[in-house]
Amino acid sequence: WQPLGFAPGADGRACGVRIRNEPLGLETVLEAALIIEAMGLRIADSLRAALAGLNFSDDGRVSVDAAHRTSLARVYAAGALVNGGASVGQCIAEGLAAAEAIHLDLLRTTSQ
């Protein structure tokens, strides 16, 4: 299924997302009470300057390891800065995973 755009309700506000299944030629509206749109983000030049030494991928995203650690000590990144805004769900999941990694790293640091 491919999103085509928002479906307007009687009041003109979005009430769903129009989607199409290309192979089958089907189009329908996926109704929604709330729509959150994920957008790709460009990293601001001021952030790049403030975080000198931060590694970026070839496409301009922040590079992280599996625990969302960046190349700078005690700096973590997740979501759109890392994945370009793939989806709201993925950004939230990555943020939660990064928070867990931060928590575990803090526990290790304080227990030493």
Protein backbone atom coordinates (compact mmCIF):
# COMPACT_ATOMS: atom_id res chain seq x y z
CA TRP A 1 0.00 0.00 0.00
CA GLN A 2 1.23 3.46 -0.89
CA PRO A 3 -0.03 6.65 0.78
CA LEU A 4 -1.48 9.14 -1.72
CA GLY A 5 -2.49 11.97 0.58
CA PHE A 6 -4.95 12.95 3.24
CA ALA A 7 -8.70 12.43 2.88
CA PRO A 8 -10.72 15.48 3.94
CA GLY A 9 -13.74 15.15 6.21
CA ALA A 10 -16.96 17.18 5.96
CA ASP A 11 -15.34 19.98 7.99
CA GLY A 12 -12.27 20.07 5.69
CA ARG A 13 -9.95 18.55 8.27
CA ALA A 14 -8.09 15.34 7.51
CA CYS A 15 -10.06 12.27 8.60
CA GLY A 16 -7.91 9.60 7.00
CA VAL A 17 -5.18 8.73 4.54
CA ARG A 18 -5.88 7.78 0.93
CA ILE A 19 -3.89 4.66 0.06
CA ARG A 20 -3.43 2.60 -3.11
CA ASN A 21 -2.36 -0.97 -3.77
CA GLU A 22 -0.52 -0.67 -7.10
CA PRO A 23 -0.47 -4.34 -8.15
CA LEU A 24 -4.21 -4.72 -7.57
CA GLY A 25 -5.19 -1.22 -8.64
CA LEU A 26 -7.19 -0.74 -5.44
CA GLU A 27 -7.59 2.61 -3.71
CA THR A 28 -9.24 3.22 -0.35
CA VAL A 29 -9.22 5.53 2.66
CA LEU A 30 -7.66 4.41 5.91
CA GLU A 31 -9.75 6.29 8.49
CA ALA A 32 -7.91 7.86 11.40
CA ALA A 33 -8.85 9.88 14.45
CA LEU A 34 -5.30 11.26 14.67
CA ILE A 35 -2.67 11.57 11.96
CA ILE A 36 0.98 12.16 12.82
CA GLU A 37 3.21 12.80 9.86
CA ALA A 38 6.91 11.89 9.94
CA MET A 39 9.19 14.18 7.97
CA GLY A 40 12.81 13.90 6.99
CA LEU A 41 15.00 16.43 8.72
CA ARG A 42 18.15 18.20 7.68
CA ILE A 43 20.62 18.71 10.47
CA ALA A 44 21.06 22.41 11.14
CA ASP A 45 24.49 23.89 10.55
CA SER A 46 24.41 25.29 14.12
CA LEU A 47 24.02 21.74 15.49
CA ARG A 48 26.91 20.51 13.36
CA ALA A 49 29.06 23.38 14.69
CA ALA A 50 28.02 22.79 18.31
CA LEU A 51 28.81 19.08 18.06
CA ALA A 52 32.19 19.28 16.34
CA GLY A 53 33.61 15.77 15.98
CA LEU A 54 30.21 14.13 15.50
CA ASN A 55 30.33 11.58 12.68
CA PHE A 56 27.74 11.77 9.91
CA SER A 57 26.84 9.23 7.25
CA ASP A 58 27.26 10.03 3.55
CA ASP A 59 23.60 11.10 3.35
CA GLY A 60 23.99 13.59 6.23
CA ARG A 61 22.43 11.57 9.04
CA VAL A 62 24.02 11.16 12.47
CA SER A 63 26.01 7.92 12.67
CA VAL A 64 25.28 5.74 15.70
CA ASP A 65 26.13 2.28 16.95
CA ALA A 66 23.57 -0.38 17.93
CA ALA A 67 23.03 1.37 21.31
CA HIS A 68 22.45 4.76 19.62
CA ARG A 69 25.82 6.12 20.80
CA THR A 70 27.39 8.70 18.51
CA SER A 71 31.11 9.26 17.96
CA LEU A 72 31.07 11.73 20.86
CA ALA A 73 31.20 10.45 24.44
CA ARG A 74 27.84 10.69 26.25
CA VAL A 75 26.01 11.87 23.11
CA TYR A 76 23.21 9.67 21.80
CA ALA A 77 20.94 10.10 18.79
CA ALA A 78 17.80 8.43 17.48
CA GLY A 79 14.79 9.05 15.29
CA ALA A 80 14.81 11.38 12.32
CA LEU A 81 18.41 12.53 12.90
CA VAL A 82 19.47 8.91 12.42
CA ASN A 83 16.85 7.42 10.08
CA GLY A 84 15.74 10.52 8.16
CA GLY A 85 12.16 10.30 9.45
CA ALA A 86 11.33 6.80 8.24
CA SER A 87 8.13 6.66 10.31
CA VAL A 88 6.77 8.06 13.54
CA GLY A 89 6.64 4.56 15.03
CA GLN A 90 10.25 3.85 14.16
CA CYS A 91 11.38 7.22 15.55
CA ILE A 92 9.55 6.56 18.82
CA ALA A 93 10.97 3.04 19.07
CA GLU A 94 14.49 4.32 18.47
CA GLY A 95 14.03 7.05 21.07
CA LEU A 96 12.92 4.46 23.63
CA ALA A 97 15.86 2.21 22.75
CA ALA A 98 18.28 5.14 23.09
CA ALA A 99 16.77 6.03 26.48
CA GLU A 100 17.28 2.44 27.64
CA ALA A 101 20.90 2.51 26.43
CA ILE A 102 21.50 5.79 28.27
CA HIS A 103 19.97 4.31 31.43
CA LEU A 104 22.16 1.19 31.24
CA ASP A 105 25.29 3.26 30.56
CA LEU A 106 24.51 5.47 33.57
CA LEU A 107 24.03 2.40 35.76
CA ARG A 108 27.40 1.04 34.62
CA THR A 109 29.09 4.39 35.25
CA THR A 110 27.67 4.84 38.76
CA SER A 111 28.45 1.25 39.81
CA GLN A 112 32.15 1.59 39.00
